[in-house]
C-alpha atoms as a PDB file:
ATOM      1  CA  MET A   1     102.537  58.135  74.893  1.00  0.00           C
ATOM      2  CA  ASP A   2      99.841  55.991  73.206  1.00  0.00           C
ATOM      3  CA  TYR A   3      96.930  57.432  75.107  1.00  0.00           C
ATOM      4  CA  GLU A   4      93.876  58.419  73.108  1.00  0.00           C
ATOM      5  CA  PRO A   5      90.812  59.680  74.958  1.00  0.00           C
ATOM      6  CA  LYS A   6      87.437  57.961  74.737  1.00  0.00           C
ATOM      7  CA  ILE A   7      84.841  60.627  74.086  1.00  0.00           C
ATOM      8  CA  LEU A   8      81.091  60.041  74.312  1.00  0.00           C
ATOM      9  CA  GLY A   9      78.701  62.439  72.571  1.00  0.00           C
ATOM     10  CA  PHE A  10      74.981  62.872  73.141  1.00  0.00           C
ATOM     11  CA  LEU A  11      73.745  64.577  69.938  1.00  0.00           C
ATOM     12  CA  CYS A  12      70.369  66.082  69.221  1.00  0.00           C
ATOM     13  CA  ASN A  13      68.764  64.432  66.206  1.00  0.00           C
ATOM     14  CA  TRP A  14      67.590  67.650  64.513  1.00  0.00           C
ATOM     15  CA  CYS A  15      70.673  69.876  64.706  1.00  0.00           C
ATOM     16  CA  SER A  16      73.991  68.556  66.132  1.00  0.00           C
ATOM     17  CA  TYR A  17      73.588  65.032  64.691  1.00  0.00           C
ATOM     18  CA  ALA A  18      72.673  66.585  61.318  1.00  0.00           C
ATOM     19  CA  GLY A  19      75.697  68.833  61.706  1.00  0.00           C
ATOM     20  CA  ALA A  20      77.874  65.721  62.281  1.00  0.00           C
ATOM     21  CA  ASP A  21      76.331  64.137  59.235  1.00  0.00           C
ATOM     22  CA  LEU A  22      77.134  67.228  57.174  1.00  0.00           C
ATOM     23  CA  ALA A  23      80.771  67.090  58.385  1.00  0.00           C
ATOM     24  CA  GLY A  24      80.866  63.468  57.240  1.00  0.00           C
ATOM     25  CA  VAL A  25      79.436  63.968  53.734  1.00  0.00           C
ATOM     26  CA  SER A  26      81.594  67.078  53.317  1.00  0.00           C
ATOM     27  CA  ARG A  27      84.679  65.082  54.309  1.00  0.00           C
ATOM     28  CA  ILE A  28      85.603  67.530  57.044  1.00  0.00           C
ATOM     29  CA  GLN A  29      88.314  65.939  59.192  1.00  0.00           C
ATOM     30  CA  TYR A  30      87.782  65.707  62.937  1.00  0.00           C
ATOM     31  CA  ALA A  31      89.129  63.541  65.766  1.00  0.00           C
ATOM     32  CA  PRO A  32      87.965  59.922  65.537  1.00  0.00           C
ATOM     33  CA  ASN A  33      87.698  59.575  69.353  1.00  0.00           C
ATOM     34  CA  LEU A  34      84.006  60.479  69.475  1.00  0.00           C
ATOM     35  CA  ARG A  35      81.332  57.793  69.919  1.00  0.00           C
ATOM     36  CA  VAL A  36      77.854  59.152  69.295  1.00  0.00           C
ATOM     37  CA  ILE A  37      74.501  58.469  70.940  1.00  0.00           C
ATOM     38  CA  ARG A  38      71.707  60.161  68.982  1.00  0.00           C
ATOM     39  CA  VAL A  39      68.772  61.509  71.040  1.00  0.00           C
ATOM     40  CA  MET A  40      65.659  63.300  69.843  1.00  0.00           C
ATOM     41  CA  CYS A  41      66.375  66.353  71.961  1.00  0.00           C
ATOM     42  CA  SER A  42      69.217  67.550  74.235  1.00  0.00           C
ATOM     43  CA  GLY A  43      66.508  68.130  76.889  1.00  0.00           C
ATOM     44  CA  ARG A  44      65.890  64.380  76.927  1.00  0.00           C
ATOM     45  CA  ILE A  45      69.356  63.722  78.395  1.00  0.00           C
ATOM     46  CA  ASP A  46      69.155  62.858  82.050  1.00  0.00           C
ATOM     47  CA  PRO A  47      72.376  63.726  84.002  1.00  0.00           C
ATOM     48  CA  ILE A  48      72.275  60.124  85.298  1.00  0.00           C
ATOM     49  CA  PHE A  49      73.137  59.008  81.706  1.00  0.00           C
ATOM     50  CA  ILE A  50      76.272  61.097  81.836  1.00  0.00           C
ATOM     51  CA  LEU A  51      77.340  59.830  85.261  1.00  0.00           C
ATOM     52  CA  GLU A  52      76.894  56.271  84.033  1.00  0.00           C
ATOM     53  CA  GLY A  53      79.294  57.123  81.237  1.00  0.00           C
ATOM     54  CA  PHE A  54      81.924  58.458  83.656  1.00  0.00           C
ATOM     55  CA  LEU A  55      81.485  55.456  85.937  1.00  0.00           C
ATOM     56  CA  LYS A  56      82.249  53.199  82.972  1.00  0.00           C
ATOM     57  CA  GLY A  57      85.558  54.992  82.327  1.00  0.00           C
ATOM     58  CA  ILE A  58      84.669  57.465  79.557  1.00  0.00           C
ATOM     59  CA  ASP A  59      87.310  60.208  79.551  1.00  0.00           C
ATOM     60  CA  GLY A  60      85.054  63.022  78.337  1.00  0.00           C
ATOM     61  CA  ILE A  61      81.443  63.613  77.499  1.00  0.00           C
ATOM     62  CA  MET A  62      79.893  66.145  75.111  1.00  0.00           C
ATOM     63  CA  VAL A  63      76.253  67.174  74.956  1.00  0.00           C
ATOM     64  CA  LEU A  64      75.429  68.962  71.722  1.00  0.00           C
ATOM     65  CA  GLY A  65      72.067  70.445  70.873  1.00  0.00           C
ATOM     66  CA  CYS A  66      70.311  73.098  68.790  1.00  0.00           C
ATOM     67  CA  HIS A  67      71.223  76.726  69.319  1.00  0.00           C
ATOM     68  CA  LEU A  68      69.101  78.427  72.008  1.00  0.00           C
ATOM     69  CA  GLY A  69      65.868  79.617  70.491  1.00  0.00           C
ATOM     70  CA  ASP A  70      66.016  77.075  67.630  1.00  0.00           C
ATOM     71  CA  CYS A  71      64.935  73.884  69.471  1.00  0.00           C
ATOM     72  CA  HIS A  72      62.687  71.555  67.435  1.00  0.00           C
ATOM     73  CA  TYR A  73      60.740  71.136  70.689  1.00  0.00           C
ATOM     74  CA  ILE A  74      60.770  74.880  71.561  1.00  0.00           C
ATOM     75  CA  ASN A  75      62.277  74.710  75.070  1.00  0.00           C
ATOM     76  CA  GLY A  76      64.215  71.397  75.144  1.00  0.00           C
ATOM     77  CA  ASN A  77      67.681  72.905  74.953  1.00  0.00           C
ATOM     78  CA  TYR A  78      66.862  75.426  77.731  1.00  0.00           C
ATOM     79  CA  GLU A  79      65.984  72.449  79.914  1.00  0.00           C
ATOM     80  CA  ALA A  80      69.249  70.801  78.921  1.00  0.00           C
ATOM     81  CA  GLU A  81      71.148  73.935  79.887  1.00  0.00           C
ATOM     82  CA  ILE A  82      69.632  73.857  83.380  1.00  0.00           C
ATOM     83  CA  LYS A  83      70.224  70.139  83.893  1.00  0.00           C
ATOM     84  CA  ILE A  84      73.813  70.141  82.661  1.00  0.00           C
ATOM     85  CA  GLY A  85      74.464  73.277  84.710  1.00  0.00           C
ATOM     86  CA  VAL A  86      73.395  71.535  87.889  1.00  0.00           C
ATOM     87  CA  LEU A  87      75.488  68.490  87.065  1.00  0.00           C
ATOM     88  CA  ASN A  88      78.492  70.689  86.339  1.00  0.00           C
ATOM     89  CA  LYS A  89      78.169  72.305  89.789  1.00  0.00           C
ATOM     90  CA  LEU A  90      78.162  68.904  91.391  1.00  0.00           C
ATOM     91  CA  LEU A  91      81.126  67.697  89.283  1.00  0.00           C
ATOM     92  CA  LYS A  92      83.096  70.850  90.307  1.00  0.00           C
ATOM     93  CA  LEU A  93      82.907  69.597  93.880  1.00  0.00           C
ATOM     94  CA  ILE A  94      85.002  66.614  92.930  1.00  0.00           C
ATOM     95  CA  GLY A  95      87.170  68.256  90.260  1.00  0.00           C
ATOM     96  CA  PHE A  96      85.492  66.503  87.344  1.00  0.00           C
ATOM     97  CA  SER A  97      83.625  69.284  85.561  1.00  0.00           C
ATOM     98  CA  GLU A  98      86.264  69.884  82.851  1.00  0.00           C
ATOM     99  CA  ARG A  99      85.447  66.481  81.429  1.00  0.00           C
ATOM    100  CA  LEU A 100      81.936  67.579  80.410  1.00  0.00           C
ATOM    101  CA  ILE A 101      80.780  70.218  77.931  1.00  0.00           C
ATOM    102  CA  LEU A 102      77.506  71.487  76.620  1.00  0.00           C
ATOM    103  CA  ASP A 103      77.519  73.269  73.280  1.00  0.00           C
ATOM    104  CA  TRP A 104      75.235  74.150  70.344  1.00  0.00           C
ATOM    105  CA  VAL A 105      75.675  73.085  66.742  1.00  0.00           C
ATOM    106  CA  SER A 106      73.116  73.590  63.988  1.00  0.00           C
ATOM    107  CA  ALA A 107      72.397  71.286  61.074  1.00  0.00           C
ATOM    108  CA  SER A 108      74.293  73.584  58.724  1.00  0.00           C
ATOM    109  CA  GLU A 109      77.435  73.845  60.891  1.00  0.00           C
ATOM    110  CA  GLY A 110      79.539  70.898  59.789  1.00  0.00           C
ATOM    111  CA  ASN A 111      82.723  72.894  60.246  1.00  0.00           C
ATOM    112  CA  ARG A 112      81.694  74.065  63.682  1.00  0.00           C
ATOM    113  CA  PHE A 113      80.883  70.449  64.706  1.00  0.00           C
ATOM    114  CA  ALA A 114      84.362  69.364  63.684  1.00  0.00           C
ATOM    115  CA  GLN A 115      85.948  72.301  65.552  1.00  0.00           C
ATOM    116  CA  VAL A 116      84.020  71.595  68.810  1.00  0.00           C
ATOM    117  CA  VAL A 117      84.961  67.914  68.646  1.00  0.00           C
ATOM    118  CA  ASN A 118      88.629  68.604  67.928  1.00  0.00           C
ATOM    119  CA  GLU A 119      88.975  71.212  70.634  1.00  0.00           C
ATOM    120  CA  PHE A 120      87.291  69.078  73.282  1.00  0.00           C
ATOM    121  CA  THR A 121      89.278  66.018  72.307  1.00  0.00           C
ATOM    122  CA  GLU A 122      92.535  67.979  72.610  1.00  0.00           C
ATOM    123  CA  LYS A 123      91.436  69.301  76.013  1.00  0.00           C
ATOM    124  CA  ILE A 124      90.723  65.775  77.296  1.00  0.00           C
ATOM    125  CA  ARG A 125      93.990  64.536  75.790  1.00  0.00           C
ATOM    126  CA  ASP A 126      95.819  67.182  77.868  1.00  0.00           C
ATOM    127  CA  LEU A 127      93.884  66.264  80.984  1.00  0.00           C
ATOM    128  CA  GLY A 128      94.807  62.577  80.548  1.00  0.00           C
ATOM    129  CA  PRO A 129      92.829  59.430  81.213  1.00  0.00           C
ATOM    130  CA  SER A 130      89.849  59.495  83.621  1.00  0.00           C
ATOM    131  CA  PRO A 131      91.142  59.065  87.172  1.00  0.00           C
ATOM    132  CA  ILE A 132      88.638  56.228  87.588  1.00  0.00           C
ATOM    133  CA  LYS A 133      91.092  54.115  85.507  1.00  0.00           C
ATOM    134  CA  ASP A 134      93.795  54.574  88.130  1.00  0.00           C
ATOM    135  CA  LYS A 135      93.608  51.877  90.837  1.00  0.00           C
ATOM    136  CA  LYS A 136      94.869  54.419  93.361  1.00  0.00           C
ATOM    137  CA  TYR A 137      91.869  56.727  92.799  1.00  0.00           C
ATOM    138  CA  LYS A 138      89.190  54.408  91.385  1.00  0.00           C
ATOM    139  CA  ILE A 139      87.380  53.628  94.696  1.00  0.00           C
ATOM    140  CA  ASN A 140      87.300  57.262  95.808  1.00  0.00           C
ATOM    141  CA  ILE A 141      86.173  58.624  92.374  1.00  0.00           C
ATOM    142  CA  THR A 142      83.573  55.888  92.024  1.00  0.00           C
ATOM    143  CA  ASP A 143      82.198  56.727  95.423  1.00  0.00           C
ATOM    144  CA  GLU A 144      82.061  60.458  94.639  1.00  0.00           C
ATOM    145  CA  LEU A 145      80.317  59.859  91.272  1.00  0.00           C
ATOM    146  CA  ASN A 146      77.779  57.540  92.989  1.00  0.00           C
ATOM    147  CA  VAL A 147      77.147  60.246  95.625  1.00  0.00           C
ATOM    148  CA  ILE A 148      76.338  62.726  92.866  1.00  0.00           C
ATOM    149  CA  LYS A 149      74.198  60.122  91.126  1.00  0.00           C
ATOM    150  CA  SER A 150      72.217  59.602  94.317  1.00  0.00           C
ATOM    151  CA  ALA A 151      71.845  63.354  94.848  1.00  0.00           C
ATOM    152  CA  LEU A 152      70.534  63.809  91.332  1.00  0.00           C
ATOM    153  CA  SER A 153      68.111  60.871  91.768  1.00  0.00           C
ATOM    154  CA  ASP A 154      66.545  62.623  94.733  1.00  0.00           C
ATOM    155  CA  ILE A 155      63.048  64.019  93.992  1.00  0.00           C
ATOM    156  CA  ARG A 156      63.874  67.354  95.666  1.00  0.00           C
ATOM    157  CA  LEU A 157      66.670  68.282  93.250  1.00  0.00           C
ATOM    158  CA  ARG A 158      64.716  67.000  90.282  1.00  0.00           C
ATOM    159  CA  VAL A 159      61.768  69.208  91.195  1.00  0.00           C
ATOM    160  CA  PHE A 160      64.114  72.203  91.542  1.00  0.00           C
ATOM    161  CA  ILE A 161      65.567  71.502  88.141  1.00  0.00           C
ATOM    162  CA  GLY A 162      62.299  70.804  86.398  1.00  0.00           C
ATOM    163  CA  ARG A 163      60.477  73.870  87.776  1.00  0.00           C
ATOM    164  CA  LYS A 164      63.207  76.521  87.469  1.00  0.00           C
ATOM    165  CA  ARG A 165      61.970  78.073  84.243  1.00  0.00           C
ATOM    166  CA  SER A 166      58.327  78.177  85.318  1.00  0.00           C
ATOM    167  CA  ILE A 167      59.102  79.655  88.764  1.00  0.00           C
ATOM    168  CA  ILE A 168      61.288  82.519  87.410  1.00  0.00           C
ATOM    169  CA  THR A 169      58.768  83.361  84.699  1.00  0.00           C
ATOM    170  CA  GLU A 170      55.314  82.425  86.014  1.00  0.00           C
ATOM    171  CA  GLY A 171      55.917  82.240  89.801  1.00  0.00           C
ATOM    172  CA  ASN A 172      55.636  79.564  92.460  1.00  0.00           C
ATOM    173  CA  VAL A 173      52.416  78.040  93.938  1.00  0.00           C
ATOM    174  CA  TYR A 174      51.911  81.301  95.833  1.00  0.00           C
ATOM    175  CA  GLY A 175      52.144  83.369  92.674  1.00  0.00           C
ATOM    176  CA  GLU A 176      55.532  84.807  93.659  1.00  0.00           C
ATOM    177  CA  VAL A 177      57.942  85.305  90.822  1.00  0.00           C
ATOM    178  CA  ILE A 178      61.486  84.643  91.980  1.00  0.00           C
ATOM    179  CA  SER A 179      64.368  86.244  90.152  1.00  0.00           C
ATOM    180  CA  GLU A 180      66.806  83.946  88.418  1.00  0.00           C
ATOM    181  CA  GLU A 181      69.656  85.188  90.637  1.00  0.00           C
ATOM    182  CA  GLU A 182      67.677  84.445  93.814  1.00  0.00           C
ATOM    183  CA  PHE A 183      66.546  81.070  92.494  1.00  0.00           C
ATOM    184  CA  ASP A 184      70.120  80.098  91.633  1.00  0.00           C
ATOM    185  CA  LYS A 185      71.270  80.927  95.226  1.00  0.00           C
ATOM    186  CA  ILE A 186      68.568  78.605  96.580  1.00  0.00           C
ATOM    187  CA  LEU A 187      69.416  75.965  94.039  1.00  0.00           C
ATOM    188  CA  ASP A 188      73.163  76.157  94.769  1.00  0.00           C
ATOM    189  CA  GLN A 189      72.492  75.589  98.458  1.00  0.00           C
ATOM    190  CA  ALA A 190      70.162  72.670  97.682  1.00  0.00           C
ATOM    191  CA  ILE A 191      72.869  71.121  95.419  1.00  0.00           C
ATOM    192  CA  TYR A 192      75.505  71.339  98.126  1.00  0.00           C
ATOM    193  CA  ASP A 193      73.195  70.063 100.838  1.00  0.00           C
ATOM    194  CA  GLU A 194      72.077  67.026  98.831  1.00  0.00           C
ATOM    195  CA  TYR A 195      75.687  66.265  97.955  1.00  0.00           C
ATOM    196  CA  ILE A 196      76.730  66.324 101.627  1.00  0.00           C
ATOM    197  CA  ARG A 197      73.701  64.331 102.768  1.00  0.00           C
ATOM    198  CA  ASN A 198      74.277  61.591 100.219  1.00  0.00           C
ATOM    199  CA  LYS A 199      77.988  61.566 101.144  1.00  0.00           C
ATOM    200  CA  ILE A 200      76.937  61.006 104.785  1.00  0.00           C
ATOM    201  CA  LEU A 201      74.701  58.112 103.692  1.00  0.00           C
ATOM    202  CA  LEU A 202      77.588  56.566 101.846  1.00  0.00           C
ATOM    203  CA  LYS A 203      79.877  56.769 104.873  1.00  0.00           C
ATOM    204  CA  ILE A 204      77.334  54.975 107.103  1.00  0.00           C
ATOM    205  CA  LYS A 205      76.191  52.485 104.541  1.00  0.00           C
ATOM    206  CA  ASN A 206      78.035  49.527 106.044  1.00  0.00           C
ATOM    207  CA  LYS A 207      78.877  50.753 109.549  1.00  0.00           C
ATOM    208  CA  SER A 208      77.341  53.121 112.055  1.00  0.00           C
ATOM    209  CA  LYS A 209      79.523  56.096 112.933  1.00  0.00           C
ATOM    210  CA  SER A 210      79.511  59.075 115.278  1.00  0.00           C
ATOM    211  CA  VAL A 211      79.164  62.651 114.149  1.00  0.00           C
ATOM    212  CA  PRO A 212      82.858  63.496 114.816  1.00  0.00           C
ATOM    213  CA  GLU A 213      83.900  60.475 112.797  1.00  0.00           C
ATOM    214  CA  ILE A 214      81.877  61.504 109.807  1.00  0.00           C
ATOM    215  CA  SER A 215      82.908  65.122 110.192  1.00  0.00           C
ATOM    216  CA  LYS A 216      86.561  64.104 109.937  1.00  0.00           C
ATOM    217  CA  GLU A 217      85.958  61.878 106.911  1.00  0.00           C
ATOM    218  CA  ILE A 218      83.941  64.398 104.833  1.00  0.00           C
ATOM    219  CA  ARG A 219      85.657  67.520 106.186  1.00  0.00           C
ATOM    220  CA  VAL A 220      82.539  69.278 107.310  1.00  0.00           C
ATOM    221  CA  GLU A 221      82.061  70.883 110.739  1.00  0.00           C
ATOM    222  CA  PRO A 222      80.339  68.555 113.305  1.00  0.00           C
ATOM    223  CA  ASN A 223      77.461  70.936 113.886  1.00  0.00           C
ATOM    224  CA  ARG A 224      76.710  71.069 110.144  1.00  0.00           C
ATOM    225  CA  VAL A 225      76.963  67.248 109.923  1.00  0.00           C
ATOM    226  CA  LEU A 226      74.437  66.976 112.749  1.00  0.00           C
ATOM    227  CA  GLU A 227      72.045  69.371 110.961  1.00  0.00           C
ATOM    228  CA  HIS A 228      72.206  67.150 107.842  1.00  0.00           C
ATOM    229  CA  ILE A 229      71.676  64.020 109.924  1.00  0.00           C
ATOM    230  CA  ILE A 230      68.579  65.476 111.530  1.00  0.00           C
ATOM    231  CA  CYS A 231      67.224  66.229 108.083  1.00  0.00           C
ATOM    232  CA  LEU A 232      67.986  62.702 106.912  1.00  0.00           C
ATOM    233  CA  LYS A 233      66.245  61.338 110.026  1.00  0.00           C
ATOM    234  CA  SER A 234      63.149  63.368 109.287  1.00  0.00           C
ATOM    235  CA  ARG A 235      63.082  61.669 105.854  1.00  0.00           C
ATOM    236  CA  GLY A 236      63.333  58.274 107.516  1.00  0.00           C
ATOM    237  CA  LEU A 237      66.736  57.533 105.962  1.00  0.00           C
ATOM    238  CA  VAL A 238      68.847  57.268 109.151  1.00  0.00           C
ATOM    239  CA  ASP A 239      68.154  56.416 112.753  1.00  0.00           C
ATOM    240  CA  PHE A 240      70.029  57.027 116.020  1.00  0.00           C
ATOM    241  CA  ASP A 241      71.673  54.026 117.631  1.00  0.00           C
ATOM    242  CA  LYS A 242      73.061  55.433 120.866  1.00  0.00           C
ATOM    243  CA  ILE A 243      74.548  58.545 122.384  1.00  0.00           C
ATOM    244  CA  ILE A 244      78.304  58.933 122.724  1.00  0.00           C
ATOM    245  CA  ASP A 245      79.322  62.053 124.606  1.00  0.00           C
ATOM    246  CA  ILE A 246      77.077  64.809 123.170  1.00  0.00           C
ATOM    247  CA  TYR A 247      76.614  63.331 119.714  1.00  0.00           C
ATOM    248  CA  PRO A 248      74.403  60.506 118.571  1.00  0.00           C
ATOM    249  CA  LYS A 249      75.793  57.473 116.924  1.00  0.00           C
ATOM    250  CA  PHE A 250      73.515  56.321 114.142  1.00  0.00           C
ATOM    251  CA  ILE A 251      72.923  53.768 111.405  1.00  0.00           C
ATOM    252  CA  SER A 252      71.160  54.025 108.057  1.00  0.00           C
ATOM    253  CA  ILE A 253      67.815  52.322 107.789  1.00  0.00           C
ATOM    254  CA  LYS A 254      68.218  49.156 105.653  1.00  0.00           C
ATOM    255  CA  GLU A 255      65.890  48.609 102.727  1.00  0.00           C
ATOM    256  CA  GLU A 256      63.492  45.682 102.891  1.00  0.00           C
END
């Protein structure tokens, strides 16, 4: 009955933060649940920052920037759109995507700023507290968020995200221009693959397990699990311990 959501907002200095300032000086009422972090550009926001917020128990996170085409740094908000889009796809895999929004507010839109904050606050209020606050779900949700954090820290996904706009407009290193639709299909597969691979690494972090064991835990077919393990082995991240039946039992390589 007394629950009030904790909302974190990353606001672009030139537009959405100025819009918030206008709402304040104009005495436009909006929900007091928002705590603001001002950034120079929405494109500066690394998805890891958002995951850290969720891991610390924030109920909902807003990323607000300049309208597309009006970025003070020309393309920053387009980059933000790509990065937040990838993060949203990963959060959908664990049922967490509704707690994050990306929206655009200009410096002259004090009323719109208040509306966006009020609507999102009401949405989070309806969803209830972050499940990470519930002891019954905390360990599982924490593990899932850390899996996503690890996936987004991997250089492969970061290169995909960083080069999307150039590849679909200028072409790849071979001069081939890939359509946005085709690129998104490749990216979606890469997102899912990195999520599963990092989930496997989490499952064998403290104890070596067989392919069937991991398959049962992460609910992925054994043959697909084995394919991911072979990929991880090629990166030097796991090693085979011994063979049990037809599947290898393996352990993750420990860091020095």
